Amino acid sequence: MDTRTLGRTNRTVSAIALGTWQLGSDWGEVTEANARAVLDASAEAGVTLFDTADVYGDGRSEQLIGSYLADRPGHAITVATKIGRREAQDAANFTLAKFREWIDRSRTNLRTDTLDLVQLHCPPTAVFSDDRVFEDLDTLVAEGAIAAYGVSVETADEALAAIARPNVATVQIVLNAFRLKPLDAVLPAAIAAGVGVIARVPLASGLLSGKYTADTTFAANDHRTYNRDGSAFDVGETFSGVDFARGVAAAGEFAALLPGEAAASGFTTAQVAVAWVAQLGGVSSVIPGARNVAQAKSNAASGSVPRMSPAFTGAVAELYDREFRATVHDRW
């Protein structure tokens, strides 16, 4: 597994990480035994970054990770969690007192005194221009409650505002073949500032696996059913904000672009999609999620996909420009 330095945390993490939203909620039911098996399969495959949040299953995801790692003293896994969505999305709620409350809950869930990396969880845009918010986070670092902090963002402009902050260690953003805007300015700015980029939703909520048809359905408690119109949270988190049927068709085109060497080696469309993101300059780690062991192993194996050519990247860009630029590029 390829490793990189995770921005200003100065921690070394795997290029392919594990997103654990699926282990908490919003992707259908995952038993505790299956969740632990996913964590175990990922760790055995060389994954050393787990990404979670305090609201995934109301803390269930954090608790599962905390229990798993407590049984493995001396582990080399970095845990990135998120705070800020336990209450109304009002910039006035982002205070030191609230930070302490949320962080103490996460420390209990994760069974640790110091959280490795805490990310503000897609906060209101006004938060990014509030100096006090970042001073409060600096206070928590000085006190030892957190080792480093970053921001998970919805838009490229929010990412650029965060990167400009001197002590922001990482920025997490949606980045995949159907959401290319971060390539314009976010990745170059992160490289210049030494800020880590964590790429989320690399498979566009599974669209880029190439396994869906226009008739595919999902469980009622799966966000791919109930958030297609953005009624629960930002619609850009569900299928990257693209129309499902259009995304299915474009995923078929993406599959047809697979490099010959990768296809000949048996790599899947999903693995190539994840690997392409991981191979972009400026990306520290990619966080595909997994609901079972097979998915966890497949995701980790994406780190072995041969480096893709500029011609492949050009073809991906052409597909994006033709199918999605007009509807998603300026929105996020």
C-alpha atoms as a PDB file:
ATOM      1  CA  MET A   1       0.000   0.000   0.000  1.00  0.00           C
ATOM      2  CA  ASP A   2       1.348   3.387  -1.020  1.00  0.00           C
ATOM      3  CA  THR A   3       1.644   5.861   1.864  1.00  0.00           C
ATOM      4  CA  ARG A   4       1.688   9.651   2.030  1.00  0.00           C
ATOM      5  CA  THR A   5       2.089  12.369   4.623  1.00  0.00           C
ATOM      6  CA  LEU A   6      -1.341  13.606   5.691  1.00  0.00           C
ATOM      7  CA  GLY A   7      -0.787  17.322   5.280  1.00  0.00           C
ATOM      8  CA  ARG A   8       0.139  19.301   8.361  1.00  0.00           C
ATOM      9  CA  THR A   9      -0.631  16.385  10.691  1.00  0.00           C
ATOM     10  CA  ASN A  10       2.787  14.985   9.688  1.00  0.00           C
ATOM     11  CA  ARG A  11       1.283  11.523  10.052  1.00  0.00           C
ATOM     12  CA  THR A  12       1.939   8.841   7.452  1.00  0.00           C
ATOM     13  CA  VAL A  13      -1.257   7.235   6.172  1.00  0.00           C
ATOM     14  CA  SER A  14      -2.268   4.848   3.419  1.00  0.00           C
ATOM     15  CA  ALA A  15      -3.235   6.255   0.028  1.00  0.00           C
ATOM     16  CA  ILE A  16      -6.440   4.225   0.238  1.00  0.00           C
ATOM     17  CA  ALA A  17      -8.301   4.754   3.496  1.00  0.00           C
ATOM     18  CA  LEU A  18     -11.648   3.530   4.827  1.00  0.00           C
ATOM     19  CA  GLY A  19     -14.738   5.682   5.100  1.00  0.00           C
ATOM     20  CA  THR A  20     -16.994   4.384   7.861  1.00  0.00           C
ATOM     21  CA  TRP A  21     -20.270   6.210   7.277  1.00  0.00           C
ATOM     22  CA  GLN A  22     -21.623   2.835   6.113  1.00  0.00           C
ATOM     23  CA  LEU A  23     -20.854   1.286   9.489  1.00  0.00           C
ATOM     24  CA  GLY A  24     -22.979   3.833  11.302  1.00  0.00           C
ATOM     25  CA  SER A  25     -26.071   4.557   9.251  1.00  0.00           C
ATOM     26  CA  ASP A  26     -27.680   5.750   6.022  1.00  0.00           C
ATOM     27  CA  TRP A  27     -26.477   2.857   3.814  1.00  0.00           C
ATOM     28  CA  GLY A  28     -28.746   0.067   5.023  1.00  0.00           C
ATOM     29  CA  GLU A  29     -28.124  -2.244   7.969  1.00  0.00           C
ATOM     30  CA  VAL A  30     -24.607  -3.415   8.902  1.00  0.00           C
ATOM     31  CA  THR A  31     -24.265  -5.730  11.899  1.00  0.00           C
ATOM     32  CA  GLU A  32     -21.583  -5.189  14.518  1.00  0.00           C
ATOM     33  CA  ALA A  33     -19.856  -8.421  13.482  1.00  0.00           C
ATOM     34  CA  ASN A  34     -19.768  -7.333   9.843  1.00  0.00           C
ATOM     35  CA  ALA A  35     -18.541  -3.885  10.810  1.00  0.00           C
ATOM     36  CA  ARG A  36     -15.631  -5.311  12.784  1.00  0.00           C
ATOM     37  CA  ALA A  37     -14.849  -7.648   9.915  1.00  0.00           C
ATOM     38  CA  VAL A  38     -14.685  -4.668   7.540  1.00  0.00           C
ATOM     39  CA  LEU A  39     -12.292  -2.855   9.874  1.00  0.00           C
ATOM     40  CA  ASP A  40     -10.157  -5.971  10.217  1.00  0.00           C
ATOM     41  CA  ALA A  41     -10.007  -6.680   6.480  1.00  0.00           C
ATOM     42  CA  SER A  42      -9.031  -3.080   5.787  1.00  0.00           C
ATOM     43  CA  ALA A  43      -6.280  -3.050   8.386  1.00  0.00           C
ATOM     44  CA  GLU A  44      -4.901  -6.382   7.167  1.00  0.00           C
ATOM     45  CA  ALA A  45      -4.767  -4.934   3.631  1.00  0.00           C
ATOM     46  CA  GLY A  46      -2.607  -2.020   4.792  1.00  0.00           C
ATOM     47  CA  VAL A  47      -5.216   0.678   5.369  1.00  0.00           C
ATOM     48  CA  THR A  48      -3.998   3.018   8.116  1.00  0.00           C
ATOM     49  CA  LEU A  49      -6.619   5.789   8.008  1.00  0.00           C
ATOM     50  CA  PHE A  50     -10.200   5.366   9.210  1.00  0.00           C
ATOM     51  CA  ASP A  51     -12.569   8.286   8.602  1.00  0.00           C
ATOM     52  CA  THR A  52     -15.679   8.636  10.759  1.00  0.00           C
ATOM     53  CA  ALA A  53     -17.960  11.240  12.356  1.00  0.00           C
ATOM     54  CA  ASP A  54     -19.828  11.720  15.597  1.00  0.00           C
ATOM     55  CA  VAL A  55     -23.181  11.618  13.801  1.00  0.00           C
ATOM     56  CA  TYR A  56     -22.677   8.372  11.886  1.00  0.00           C
ATOM     57  CA  GLY A  57     -25.276   6.236  13.615  1.00  0.00           C
ATOM     58  CA  ASP A  58     -25.327   8.768  16.480  1.00  0.00           C
ATOM     59  CA  GLY A  59     -21.825   7.675  17.440  1.00  0.00           C
ATOM     60  CA  ARG A  60     -22.092   4.001  16.471  1.00  0.00           C
ATOM     61  CA  SER A  61     -19.332   4.247  13.875  1.00  0.00           C
ATOM     62  CA  GLU A  62     -16.951   5.877  16.363  1.00  0.00           C
ATOM     63  CA  GLN A  63     -17.830   3.317  19.026  1.00  0.00           C
ATOM     64  CA  LEU A  64     -17.153   0.404  16.693  1.00  0.00           C
ATOM     65  CA  ILE A  65     -13.764   1.847  15.749  1.00  0.00           C
ATOM     66  CA  GLY A  66     -12.928   2.585  19.383  1.00  0.00           C
ATOM     67  CA  SER A  67     -13.761  -0.962  20.440  1.00  0.00           C
ATOM     68  CA  TYR A  68     -11.839  -2.455  17.519  1.00  0.00           C
ATOM     69  CA  LEU A  69      -8.673  -0.424  18.158  1.00  0.00           C
ATOM     70  CA  ALA A  70      -8.819  -0.980  21.934  1.00  0.00           C
ATOM     71  CA  ASP A  71      -8.247  -4.666  21.213  1.00  0.00           C
ATOM     72  CA  ARG A  72      -5.140  -3.796  19.175  1.00  0.00           C
ATOM     73  CA  PRO A  73      -2.711  -1.805  21.307  1.00  0.00           C
ATOM     74  CA  GLY A  74       0.213  -0.434  19.346  1.00  0.00           C
ATOM     75  CA  HIS A  75      -1.787  -0.162  16.135  1.00  0.00           C
ATOM     76  CA  ALA A  76      -0.615   2.311  13.491  1.00  0.00           C
ATOM     77  CA  ILE A  77      -4.054   3.527  12.443  1.00  0.00           C
ATOM     78  CA  THR A  78      -4.963   7.213  12.345  1.00  0.00           C
ATOM     79  CA  VAL A  79      -8.598   8.019  13.052  1.00  0.00           C
ATOM     80  CA  ALA A  80     -10.104  11.138  11.522  1.00  0.00           C
ATOM     81  CA  THR A  81     -13.469  12.060  12.989  1.00  0.00           C
ATOM     82  CA  LYS A  82     -15.801  15.004  12.430  1.00  0.00           C
ATOM     83  CA  ILE A  83     -17.860  17.332  14.610  1.00  0.00           C
ATOM     84  CA  GLY A  84     -20.450  20.033  14.098  1.00  0.00           C
ATOM     85  CA  ARG A  85     -23.615  18.349  12.844  1.00  0.00           C
ATOM     86  CA  ARG A  86     -25.161  17.292  16.129  1.00  0.00           C
ATOM     87  CA  GLU A  87     -27.088  20.557  16.275  1.00  0.00           C
ATOM     88  CA  ALA A  88     -28.683  23.049  13.925  1.00  0.00           C
ATOM     89  CA  GLN A  89     -26.335  24.260  11.189  1.00  0.00           C
ATOM     90  CA  ASP A  90     -25.978  27.750  12.626  1.00  0.00           C
ATOM     91  CA  ALA A  91     -22.547  29.400  12.737  1.00  0.00           C
ATOM     92  CA  ALA A  92     -23.382  30.602  16.257  1.00  0.00           C
ATOM     93  CA  ASN A  93     -23.189  26.981  17.481  1.00  0.00           C
ATOM     94  CA  PHE A  94     -19.503  26.681  16.564  1.00  0.00           C
ATOM     95  CA  THR A  95     -18.128  27.762  19.941  1.00  0.00           C
ATOM     96  CA  LEU A  96     -15.364  26.505  22.197  1.00  0.00           C
ATOM     97  CA  ALA A  97     -17.941  25.197  24.677  1.00  0.00           C
ATOM     98  CA  LYS A  98     -19.691  23.190  21.968  1.00  0.00           C
ATOM     99  CA  PHE A  99     -16.378  21.965  20.590  1.00  0.00           C
ATOM    100  CA  ARG A 100     -15.451  20.636  24.041  1.00  0.00           C
ATOM    101  CA  GLU A 101     -18.832  18.909  24.373  1.00  0.00           C
ATOM    102  CA  TRP A 102     -18.628  17.251  20.971  1.00  0.00           C
ATOM    103  CA  ILE A 103     -14.966  16.313  21.274  1.00  0.00           C
ATOM    104  CA  ASP A 104     -15.399  14.822  24.745  1.00  0.00           C
ATOM    105  CA  ARG A 105     -18.159  12.608  23.363  1.00  0.00           C
ATOM    106  CA  SER A 106     -15.916  11.480  20.495  1.00  0.00           C
ATOM    107  CA  ARG A 107     -13.012  10.808  22.873  1.00  0.00           C
ATOM    108  CA  THR A 108     -15.302   8.569  24.902  1.00  0.00           C
ATOM    109  CA  ASN A 109     -16.594   6.780  21.812  1.00  0.00           C
ATOM    110  CA  LEU A 110     -13.094   6.284  20.393  1.00  0.00           C
ATOM    111  CA  ARG A 111     -11.584   5.409  23.796  1.00  0.00           C
ATOM    112  CA  THR A 112      -8.740   7.896  23.542  1.00  0.00           C
ATOM    113  CA  ASP A 113      -7.560  10.997  25.395  1.00  0.00           C
ATOM    114  CA  THR A 114      -6.366  12.773  22.261  1.00  0.00           C
ATOM    115  CA  LEU A 115      -8.190  12.619  18.934  1.00  0.00           C
ATOM    116  CA  ASP A 116      -5.812  12.193  15.993  1.00  0.00           C
ATOM    117  CA  LEU A 117      -7.651  14.500  13.607  1.00  0.00           C
ATOM    118  CA  VAL A 118     -10.904  16.407  14.114  1.00  0.00           C
ATOM    119  CA  GLN A 119     -12.639  17.871  11.079  1.00  0.00           C
ATOM    120  CA  LEU A 120     -15.440  20.419  11.133  1.00  0.00           C
ATOM    121  CA  HIS A 121     -18.222  18.521   9.386  1.00  0.00           C
ATOM    122  CA  CYS A 122     -19.285  20.648   6.393  1.00  0.00           C
ATOM    123  CA  PRO A 123     -20.049  23.685   8.582  1.00  0.00           C
ATOM    124  CA  PRO A 124     -22.010  26.759   7.461  1.00  0.00           C
ATOM    125  CA  THR A 125     -20.037  28.888   5.025  1.00  0.00           C
ATOM    126  CA  ALA A 126     -19.832  31.764   7.533  1.00  0.00           C
ATOM    127  CA  VAL A 127     -17.645  29.590   9.787  1.00  0.00           C
ATOM    128  CA  PHE A 128     -14.752  29.731   7.332  1.00  0.00           C
ATOM    129  CA  SER A 129     -14.331  33.491   7.782  1.00  0.00           C
ATOM    130  CA  ASP A 130     -14.624  33.455  11.600  1.00  0.00           C
ATOM    131  CA  ASP A 131     -11.152  33.778  13.156  1.00  0.00           C
ATOM    132  CA  ARG A 132     -12.495  32.833  16.587  1.00  0.00           C
ATOM    133  CA  VAL A 133     -13.526  29.360  15.399  1.00  0.00           C
ATOM    134  CA  PHE A 134      -9.988  28.523  14.366  1.00  0.00           C
ATOM    135  CA  GLU A 135      -8.499  30.119  17.483  1.00  0.00           C
ATOM    136  CA  ASP A 136     -10.750  27.847  19.551  1.00  0.00           C
ATOM    137  CA  LEU A 137      -9.508  24.825  17.631  1.00  0.00           C
ATOM    138  CA  ASP A 138      -5.933  25.977  18.263  1.00  0.00           C
ATOM    139  CA  THR A 139      -6.789  26.058  21.972  1.00  0.00           C
ATOM    140  CA  LEU A 140      -7.941  22.446  21.866  1.00  0.00           C
ATOM    141  CA  VAL A 141      -4.685  21.423  20.179  1.00  0.00           C
ATOM    142  CA  ALA A 142      -2.692  23.267  22.846  1.00  0.00           C
ATOM    143  CA  GLU A 143      -4.662  21.503  25.563  1.00  0.00           C
ATOM    144  CA  GLY A 144      -4.029  18.085  24.021  1.00  0.00           C
ATOM    145  CA  ALA A 145      -7.668  17.205  23.360  1.00  0.00           C
ATOM    146  CA  ILE A 146      -6.941  16.975  19.638  1.00  0.00           C
ATOM    147  CA  ALA A 147      -3.660  16.477  17.813  1.00  0.00           C
ATOM    148  CA  ALA A 148      -4.702  18.310  14.636  1.00  0.00           C
ATOM    149  CA  TYR A 149      -7.752  19.700  12.910  1.00  0.00           C
ATOM    150  CA  GLY A 150      -9.138  20.038   9.433  1.00  0.00           C
ATOM    151  CA  VAL A 151     -12.357  20.832   7.620  1.00  0.00           C
ATOM    152  CA  SER A 152     -14.727  18.742   5.549  1.00  0.00           C
ATOM    153  CA  VAL A 153     -16.253  21.000   2.905  1.00  0.00           C
ATOM    154  CA  GLU A 154     -19.044  21.039   0.346  1.00  0.00           C
ATOM    155  CA  THR A 155     -17.566  23.551  -2.109  1.00  0.00           C
ATOM    156  CA  ALA A 156     -14.239  24.388  -3.691  1.00  0.00           C
ATOM    157  CA  ASP A 157     -14.474  27.958  -2.372  1.00  0.00           C
ATOM    158  CA  GLU A 158     -14.829  26.649   1.190  1.00  0.00           C
ATOM    159  CA  ALA A 159     -11.813  24.403   0.628  1.00  0.00           C
ATOM    160  CA  LEU A 160      -9.704  27.352  -0.540  1.00  0.00           C
ATOM    161  CA  ALA A 161     -10.750  29.413   2.487  1.00  0.00           C
ATOM    162  CA  ALA A 162      -9.737  26.568   4.794  1.00  0.00           C
ATOM    163  CA  ILE A 163      -6.421  25.993   3.042  1.00  0.00           C
ATOM    164  CA  ALA A 164      -5.562  29.656   3.640  1.00  0.00           C
ATOM    165  CA  ARG A 165      -5.828  29.131   7.410  1.00  0.00           C
ATOM    166  CA  PRO A 166      -2.316  28.601   8.845  1.00  0.00           C
ATOM    167  CA  ASN A 167      -3.130  25.676  11.141  1.00  0.00           C
ATOM    168  CA  VAL A 168      -5.674  23.726   9.088  1.00  0.00           C
ATOM    169  CA  ALA A 169      -4.020  20.357   8.544  1.00  0.00           C
ATOM    170  CA  THR A 170      -6.427  18.775   6.068  1.00  0.00           C
ATOM    171  CA  VAL A 171      -9.357  19.465   3.788  1.00  0.00           C
ATOM    172  CA  GLN A 172     -11.874  16.774   2.883  1.00  0.00           C
ATOM    173  CA  ILE A 173     -13.843  17.227  -0.333  1.00  0.00           C
ATOM    174  CA  VAL A 174     -15.961  15.265  -2.821  1.00  0.00           C
ATOM    175  CA  LEU A 175     -13.699  14.266  -5.698  1.00  0.00           C
ATOM    176  CA  ASN A 176     -14.390  11.676  -8.369  1.00  0.00           C
ATOM    177  CA  ALA A 177     -14.731  11.317 -12.134  1.00  0.00           C
ATOM    178  CA  PHE A 178     -18.132  13.032 -11.942  1.00  0.00           C
ATOM    179  CA  ARG A 179     -16.937  15.910  -9.713  1.00  0.00           C
ATOM    180  CA  LEU A 180     -13.736  17.412 -11.087  1.00  0.00           C
ATOM    181  CA  LYS A 181     -13.841  21.019  -9.877  1.00  0.00           C
ATOM    182  CA  PRO A 182     -11.242  20.441  -7.099  1.00  0.00           C
ATOM    183  CA  LEU A 183      -8.646  19.873  -9.836  1.00  0.00           C
ATOM    184  CA  ASP A 184      -8.935  23.517 -10.940  1.00  0.00           C
ATOM    185  CA  ALA A 185      -7.670  25.300  -7.833  1.00  0.00           C
ATOM    186  CA  VAL A 186      -8.079  23.203  -4.671  1.00  0.00           C
ATOM    187  CA  LEU A 187      -5.398  20.588  -5.349  1.00  0.00           C
ATOM    188  CA  PRO A 188      -2.784  23.154  -6.512  1.00  0.00           C
ATOM    189  CA  ALA A 189      -3.486  25.353  -3.468  1.00  0.00           C
ATOM    190  CA  ALA A 190      -3.226  22.388  -1.093  1.00  0.00           C
ATOM    191  CA  ILE A 191       0.103  21.343  -2.590  1.00  0.00           C
ATOM    192  CA  ALA A 192       1.469  24.876  -2.240  1.00  0.00           C
ATOM    193  CA  ALA A 193       0.325  25.172   1.383  1.00  0.00           C
ATOM    194  CA  GLY A 194       1.237  21.654   2.499  1.00  0.00           C
ATOM    195  CA  VAL A 195      -2.368  20.872   3.411  1.00  0.00           C
ATOM    196  CA  GLY A 196      -3.583  17.302   3.089  1.00  0.00           C
ATOM    197  CA  VAL A 197      -6.531  16.492   0.831  1.00  0.00           C
ATOM    198  CA  ILE A 198      -8.856  13.646   1.789  1.00  0.00           C
ATOM    199  CA  ALA A 199     -11.031  12.718  -1.206  1.00  0.00           C
ATOM    200  CA  ARG A 200     -14.467  11.432  -0.307  1.00  0.00           C
ATOM    201  CA  VAL A 201     -17.285   9.864  -2.360  1.00  0.00           C
ATOM    202  CA  PRO A 202     -14.753   8.529  -4.912  1.00  0.00           C
ATOM    203  CA  LEU A 203     -17.345   6.178  -6.408  1.00  0.00           C
ATOM    204  CA  ALA A 204     -20.161   8.752  -6.564  1.00  0.00           C
ATOM    205  CA  SER A 205     -22.161   6.720  -4.011  1.00  0.00           C
ATOM    206  CA  GLY A 206     -21.509   3.553  -5.979  1.00  0.00           C
ATOM    207  CA  LEU A 207     -22.364   4.837  -9.452  1.00  0.00           C
ATOM    208  CA  LEU A 208     -18.767   4.453 -10.593  1.00  0.00           C
ATOM    209  CA  SER A 209     -18.738   0.794  -9.615  1.00  0.00           C
ATOM    210  CA  GLY A 210     -20.558   0.233 -12.895  1.00  0.00           C
ATOM    211  CA  LYS A 211     -22.915  -2.198 -11.158  1.00  0.00           C
ATOM    212  CA  TYR A 212     -26.118  -0.158 -11.188  1.00  0.00           C
ATOM    213  CA  THR A 213     -28.842   0.032 -13.814  1.00  0.00           C
ATOM    214  CA  ALA A 214     -31.561   2.651 -14.184  1.00  0.00           C
ATOM    215  CA  ASP A 215     -33.860   0.215 -12.323  1.00  0.00           C
ATOM    216  CA  THR A 216     -31.596  -0.329  -9.299  1.00  0.00           C
ATOM    217  CA  THR A 217     -33.302   0.429  -5.983  1.00  0.00           C
ATOM    218  CA  PHE A 218     -31.955   0.886  -2.460  1.00  0.00           C
ATOM    219  CA  ALA A 219     -33.297   0.357   1.051  1.00  0.00           C
ATOM    220  CA  ALA A 220     -35.649   2.956   2.495  1.00  0.00           C
ATOM    221  CA  ASN A 221     -33.055   3.879   5.146  1.00  0.00           C
ATOM    222  CA  ASP A 222     -30.325   4.334   2.514  1.00  0.00           C
ATOM    223  CA  HIS A 223     -29.551   7.954   1.625  1.00  0.00           C
ATOM    224  CA  ARG A 224     -29.464   6.908  -2.020  1.00  0.00           C
ATOM    225  CA  THR A 225     -33.230   6.543  -1.657  1.00  0.00           C
ATOM    226  CA  TYR A 226     -34.244   9.398   0.644  1.00  0.00           C
ATOM    227  CA  ASN A 227     -31.742  12.135  -0.215  1.00  0.00           C
ATOM    228  CA  ARG A 228     -31.834  12.246  -4.004  1.00  0.00           C
ATOM    229  CA  ASP A 229     -33.508  15.643  -3.795  1.00  0.00           C
ATOM    230  CA  GLY A 230     -31.270  16.918  -0.985  1.00  0.00           C
ATOM    231  CA  SER A 231     -34.077  16.948   1.569  1.00  0.00           C
ATOM    232  CA  ALA A 232     -31.903  15.447   4.350  1.00  0.00           C
ATOM    233  CA  PHE A 233     -28.481  17.020   3.641  1.00  0.00           C
ATOM    234  CA  ASP A 234     -26.502  18.466   0.742  1.00  0.00           C
ATOM    235  CA  VAL A 235     -27.543  16.577  -2.387  1.00  0.00           C
ATOM    236  CA  GLY A 236     -23.922  16.629  -3.533  1.00  0.00           C
ATOM    237  CA  GLU A 237     -23.228  13.829  -1.042  1.00  0.00           C
ATOM    238  CA  THR A 238     -25.672  11.497  -2.840  1.00  0.00           C
ATOM    239  CA  PHE A 239     -24.491  10.315  -6.269  1.00  0.00           C
ATOM    240  CA  SER A 240     -22.260  13.434  -6.221  1.00  0.00           C
ATOM    241  CA  GLY A 241     -25.335  15.482  -7.058  1.00  0.00           C
ATOM    242  CA  VAL A 242     -25.772  14.012 -10.546  1.00  0.00           C
ATOM    243  CA  ASP A 243     -29.018  12.614 -11.911  1.00  0.00           C
ATOM    244  CA  PHE A 244     -29.106   8.888 -11.189  1.00  0.00           C
ATOM    245  CA  ALA A 245     -30.117   7.664 -14.648  1.00  0.00           C
ATOM    246  CA  ARG A 246     -27.604   9.964 -16.313  1.00  0.00           C
ATOM    247  CA  GLY A 247     -24.948   8.784 -13.887  1.00  0.00           C
ATOM    248  CA  VAL A 248     -25.650   5.133 -14.682  1.00  0.00           C
ATOM    249  CA  ALA A 249     -25.191   5.805 -18.392  1.00  0.00           C
ATOM    250  CA  ALA A 250     -21.993   7.800 -17.815  1.00  0.00           C
ATOM    251  CA  ALA A 251     -20.636   5.039 -15.571  1.00  0.00           C
ATOM    252  CA  GLY A 252     -20.973   2.680 -18.521  1.00  0.00           C
ATOM    253  CA  GLU A 253     -18.905   5.080 -20.608  1.00  0.00           C
ATOM    254  CA  PHE A 254     -16.329   5.331 -17.823  1.00  0.00           C
ATOM    255  CA  ALA A 255     -16.017   1.543 -17.713  1.00  0.00           C
ATOM    256  CA  ALA A 256     -15.298   1.518 -21.437  1.00  0.00           C
ATOM    257  CA  LEU A 257     -12.331   3.828 -20.820  1.00  0.00           C
ATOM    258  CA  LEU A 258     -10.506   1.390 -18.518  1.00  0.00           C
ATOM    259  CA  PRO A 259      -6.801   1.273 -19.380  1.00  0.00           C
ATOM    260  CA  GLY A 260      -5.856  -1.966 -21.110  1.00  0.00           C
ATOM    261  CA  GLU A 261      -3.162  -2.828 -18.558  1.00  0.00           C
ATOM    262  CA  ALA A 262      -5.557  -2.406 -15.650  1.00  0.00           C
ATOM    263  CA  ALA A 263      -8.303  -4.423 -17.315  1.00  0.00           C
ATOM    264  CA  ALA A 264      -5.862  -7.162 -18.310  1.00  0.00           C
ATOM    265  CA  SER A 265      -4.712  -7.383 -14.696  1.00  0.00           C
ATOM    266  CA  GLY A 266      -8.275  -7.993 -13.554  1.00  0.00           C
ATOM    267  CA  PHE A 267      -8.946  -4.660 -11.868  1.00  0.00           C
ATOM    268  CA  THR A 268     -12.602  -3.646 -11.703  1.00  0.00           C
ATOM    269  CA  THR A 269     -14.221  -0.416 -12.789  1.00  0.00           C
ATOM    270  CA  ALA A 270     -14.612   0.575  -9.128  1.00  0.00           C
ATOM    271  CA  GLN A 271     -10.945  -0.053  -8.388  1.00  0.00           C
ATOM    272  CA  VAL A 272      -9.842   2.024 -11.360  1.00  0.00           C
ATOM    273  CA  ALA A 273     -12.187   4.848 -10.298  1.00  0.00           C
ATOM    274  CA  VAL A 274     -10.716   4.902  -6.781  1.00  0.00           C
ATOM    275  CA  ALA A 275      -7.141   4.535  -8.021  1.00  0.00           C
ATOM    276  CA  TRP A 276      -7.507   7.385 -10.490  1.00  0.00           C
ATOM    277  CA  VAL A 277      -8.447   9.748  -7.656  1.00  0.00           C
ATOM    278  CA  ALA A 278      -5.627   8.448  -5.439  1.00  0.00           C
ATOM    279  CA  GLN A 279      -3.097   9.043  -8.220  1.00  0.00           C
ATOM    280  CA  LEU A 280      -3.986  12.715  -8.642  1.00  0.00           C
ATOM    281  CA  GLY A 281      -1.256  15.076  -7.462  1.00  0.00           C
ATOM    282  CA  GLY A 282      -2.190  16.668  -4.159  1.00  0.00           C
ATOM    283  CA  VAL A 283      -4.496  13.896  -2.924  1.00  0.00           C
ATOM    284  CA  SER A 284      -3.290  12.490   0.395  1.00  0.00           C
ATOM    285  CA  SER A 285      -5.819   9.703   0.793  1.00  0.00           C
ATOM    286  CA  VAL A 286      -9.084   8.467  -0.690  1.00  0.00           C
ATOM    287  CA  ILE A 287     -11.867   7.211   1.573  1.00  0.00           C
ATOM    288  CA  PRO A 288     -14.182   4.744  -0.162  1.00  0.00           C
ATOM    289  CA  GLY A 289     -16.661   3.128   2.190  1.00  0.00           C
ATOM    290  CA  ALA A 290     -17.401  -0.566   2.605  1.00  0.00           C
ATOM    291  CA  ARG A 291     -20.372  -2.476   3.970  1.00  0.00           C
ATOM    292  CA  ASN A 292     -18.747  -5.917   3.799  1.00  0.00           C
ATOM    293  CA  VAL A 293     -15.356  -7.625   3.687  1.00  0.00           C
ATOM    294  CA  ALA A 294     -15.362  -8.101  -0.079  1.00  0.00           C
ATOM    295  CA  GLN A 295     -15.823  -4.375  -0.628  1.00  0.00           C
ATOM    296  CA  ALA A 296     -13.128  -3.539   1.923  1.00  0.00           C
ATOM    297  CA  LYS A 297     -10.611  -5.834   0.236  1.00  0.00           C
ATOM    298  CA  SER A 298     -11.524  -4.556  -3.208  1.00  0.00           C
ATOM    299  CA  ASN A 299     -11.102  -0.939  -2.139  1.00  0.00           C
ATOM    300  CA  ALA A 300      -7.689  -1.579  -0.607  1.00  0.00           C
ATOM    301  CA  ALA A 301      -6.563  -3.381  -3.759  1.00  0.00           C
ATOM    302  CA  SER A 302      -7.159  -0.147  -5.671  1.00  0.00           C
ATOM    303  CA  GLY A 303      -3.763   0.897  -4.405  1.00  0.00           C
ATOM    304  CA  SER A 304      -2.205  -1.671  -6.748  1.00  0.00           C
ATOM    305  CA  VAL A 305      -3.747  -0.359  -9.966  1.00  0.00           C
ATOM    306  CA  PRO A 306      -0.969   0.664 -12.413  1.00  0.00           C
ATOM    307  CA  ARG A 307      -0.482   4.402 -12.863  1.00  0.00           C
ATOM    308  CA  MET A 308      -2.885   5.720 -15.447  1.00  0.00           C
ATOM    309  CA  SER A 309      -1.867   7.774 -18.434  1.00  0.00           C
ATOM    310  CA  PRO A 310      -2.601  11.438 -19.182  1.00  0.00           C
ATOM    311  CA  ALA A 311      -4.726  10.156 -22.052  1.00  0.00           C
ATOM    312  CA  PHE A 312      -7.024   8.365 -19.582  1.00  0.00           C
ATOM    313  CA  THR A 313      -7.328  11.523 -17.501  1.00  0.00           C
ATOM    314  CA  GLY A 314      -8.132  13.458 -20.658  1.00  0.00           C
ATOM    315  CA  ALA A 315     -10.886  11.001 -21.526  1.00  0.00           C
ATOM    316  CA  VAL A 316     -12.339  11.298 -18.016  1.00  0.00           C
ATOM    317  CA  ALA A 317     -12.334  15.090 -18.371  1.00  0.00           C
ATOM    318  CA  GLU A 318     -14.089  14.870 -21.739  1.00  0.00           C
ATOM    319  CA  LEU A 319     -16.809  12.674 -20.248  1.00  0.00           C
ATOM    320  CA  TYR A 320     -17.239  15.078 -17.348  1.00  0.00           C
ATOM    321  CA  ASP A 321     -17.360  18.138 -19.592  1.00  0.00           C
ATOM    322  CA  ARG A 322     -19.964  16.558 -21.817  1.00  0.00           C
ATOM    323  CA  GLU A 323     -22.238  15.039 -19.182  1.00  0.00           C
ATOM    324  CA  PHE A 324     -21.870  16.911 -15.904  1.00  0.00           C
ATOM    325  CA  ARG A 325     -19.959  20.188 -16.040  1.00  0.00           C
ATOM    326  CA  ALA A 326     -23.035  22.270 -16.803  1.00  0.00           C
ATOM    327  CA  THR A 327     -24.991  20.940 -13.792  1.00  0.00           C
ATOM    328  CA  VAL A 328     -22.384  20.413 -11.049  1.00  0.00           C
ATOM    329  CA  HIS A 329     -19.238  22.450 -11.719  1.00  0.00           C
ATOM    330  CA  ASP A 330     -20.445  25.856 -10.578  1.00  0.00           C
ATOM    331  CA  ARG A 331     -22.685  24.504  -7.809  1.00  0.00           C
ATOM    332  CA  TRP A 332     -19.911  23.009  -5.708  1.00  0.00           C
END
